[in-house]
Amino acid sequence: MKTGTENNATSDAKSTDSLNADLLKIESLIATAVRLVEDGRVVDLAALQERTKHVCDAAVQLPATDAKPLIPAMESVLTQLDTLTENLTKRYGDLPALSSRVGSDTAASIYGRTLKHFP
């Protein structure tokens, strides 16, 4: 029979594994968005933003020791977001001008705030 500590460890491991899987899905969404932008197509980033916010919010709730294994995947997502940002900027110009229209709660700001919680 499992103790309460063992159950929590299993639960946390599942949470970390689940978040890691979600981060891989986010990477796939970003890669698709990059390809679409390169092809000159319009991309709706709302799903990416919502999924990213959900994963980052969940990661921040984990204890630091459980969240630490997520750092490489989060860094990879950040790198891909930089690529997407560069491609969008090439295609549509200076994106910061859009921030007043879409609000400050963008995926980039969420990542920035979340990474502050990781040593």
Protein backbone atom coordinates (compact mmCIF):
# COMPACT_ATOMS: atom_id res chain seq x y z
CA MET A 1 0.00 0.00 0.00
CA LYS A 2 1.32 3.46 -0.89
CA THR A 3 1.88 6.11 1.70
CA GLY A 4 0.65 9.68 1.29
CA THR A 5 4.18 10.73 0.36
CA GLU A 6 4.40 8.04 -2.34
CA ASN A 7 1.02 9.07 -3.74
CA ASN A 8 2.12 12.72 -3.90
CA ALA A 9 5.37 11.76 -5.63
CA THR A 10 3.45 9.72 -8.20
CA SER A 11 0.96 12.55 -8.69
CA ASP A 12 3.75 15.11 -9.11
CA ALA A 13 5.58 12.84 -11.56
CA LYS A 14 2.42 12.53 -13.64
CA SER A 15 1.98 16.27 -13.54
CA THR A 16 5.55 16.82 -14.71
CA ASP A 17 5.22 14.16 -17.41
CA SER A 18 1.90 15.62 -18.52
CA LEU A 19 3.35 19.13 -18.67
CA ASN A 20 6.36 17.88 -20.58
CA ALA A 21 4.03 16.25 -23.10
CA ASP A 22 2.06 19.50 -23.35
CA LEU A 23 5.28 21.41 -23.98
CA LEU A 24 6.06 19.03 -26.86
CA LYS A 25 2.61 19.73 -28.29
CA ILE A 26 3.27 23.47 -27.97
CA GLU A 27 6.55 23.02 -29.84
CA SER A 28 4.62 21.26 -32.59
CA LEU A 29 2.08 24.11 -32.75
CA ILE A 30 4.90 26.65 -33.00
CA ALA A 31 6.68 24.64 -35.72
CA THR A 32 3.42 24.52 -37.69
CA ALA A 33 2.92 28.27 -37.22
CA VAL A 34 6.48 28.94 -38.44
CA ARG A 35 5.87 26.87 -41.58
CA LEU A 36 2.55 28.61 -42.26
CA VAL A 37 4.10 32.07 -41.86
CA GLU A 38 6.97 31.05 -44.15
CA ASP A 39 4.35 29.98 -46.71
CA GLY A 40 2.73 33.41 -46.44
CA ARG A 41 -0.37 32.19 -44.66
CA VAL A 42 -2.14 33.91 -41.78
CA VAL A 43 -1.83 32.14 -38.44
CA ASP A 44 -4.26 32.36 -35.52
CA LEU A 45 -2.11 32.21 -32.39
CA ALA A 46 -4.99 32.17 -29.88
CA ALA A 47 -4.82 28.39 -29.30
CA LEU A 48 -1.06 28.58 -28.86
CA GLN A 49 -1.40 31.41 -26.38
CA GLU A 50 -4.09 29.65 -24.34
CA ARG A 51 -2.27 26.31 -24.24
CA THR A 52 1.00 28.04 -23.32
CA LYS A 53 -0.65 30.00 -20.54
CA HIS A 54 -2.23 26.84 -19.14
CA VAL A 55 1.06 24.90 -19.13
CA CYS A 56 3.07 27.77 -17.66
CA ASP A 57 0.50 28.39 -14.93
CA ALA A 58 0.57 24.69 -14.04
CA ALA A 59 4.38 24.59 -14.04
CA VAL A 60 4.55 27.51 -11.62
CA GLN A 61 2.32 25.57 -9.20
CA LEU A 62 4.78 22.66 -9.01
CA PRO A 63 7.44 22.54 -6.32
CA ALA A 64 10.78 23.76 -7.70
CA THR A 65 12.32 20.28 -7.61
CA ASP A 66 9.46 18.88 -9.70
CA ALA A 67 9.45 21.80 -12.13
CA LYS A 68 13.20 21.81 -12.74
CA PRO A 69 13.09 18.95 -15.30
CA LEU A 70 10.76 21.11 -17.43
CA ILE A 71 13.41 23.79 -17.96
CA PRO A 72 14.99 22.27 -21.12
CA ALA A 73 11.58 21.89 -22.78
CA MET A 74 10.59 25.44 -21.79
CA GLU A 75 13.88 26.79 -23.14
CA SER A 76 13.25 24.94 -26.40
CA VAL A 77 9.77 26.47 -26.62
CA LEU A 78 11.30 29.92 -26.03
CA THR A 79 13.80 29.37 -28.84
CA GLN A 80 11.01 28.34 -31.18
CA LEU A 81 8.94 31.35 -30.13
CA ASP A 82 11.90 33.57 -31.00
CA THR A 83 11.96 32.01 -34.47
CA LEU A 84 8.23 32.53 -34.85
CA THR A 85 8.56 36.14 -33.70
CA GLU A 86 11.34 36.77 -36.23
CA ASN A 87 9.26 35.29 -39.04
CA LEU A 88 6.18 37.27 -38.03
CA THR A 89 8.23 40.46 -37.83
CA LYS A 90 9.67 39.84 -41.31
CA ARG A 91 6.19 39.26 -42.66
CA TYR A 92 4.15 41.87 -40.79
CA GLY A 93 6.64 44.41 -39.51
CA ASP A 94 7.16 45.60 -35.96
CA LEU A 95 4.89 43.48 -33.74
CA PRO A 96 5.23 45.47 -30.50
CA ALA A 97 2.84 48.01 -32.03
CA LEU A 98 0.19 45.30 -31.82
CA SER A 99 0.58 44.79 -28.07
CA SER A 100 -1.82 47.59 -27.25
CA ARG A 101 -4.47 45.87 -29.37
CA VAL A 102 -4.03 42.35 -28.05
CA GLY A 103 -3.22 43.12 -24.42
CA SER A 104 -0.15 42.43 -22.37
CA ASP A 105 -1.04 38.83 -21.55
CA THR A 106 0.77 37.32 -24.53
CA ALA A 107 2.64 34.05 -24.70
CA ALA A 108 6.00 35.81 -24.56
CA SER A 109 5.18 37.64 -21.36
CA ILE A 110 3.84 34.45 -19.82
CA TYR A 111 7.07 32.63 -20.60
CA GLY A 112 9.12 35.47 -19.18
CA ARG A 113 7.18 35.48 -15.95
CA THR A 114 7.27 31.71 -15.66
CA LEU A 115 11.01 31.36 -16.20
CA LYS A 116 11.62 33.73 -13.27
CA HIS A 117 10.42 30.88 -11.04
CA PHE A 118 13.10 28.50 -12.31
CA PRO A 119 16.65 28.83 -11.04
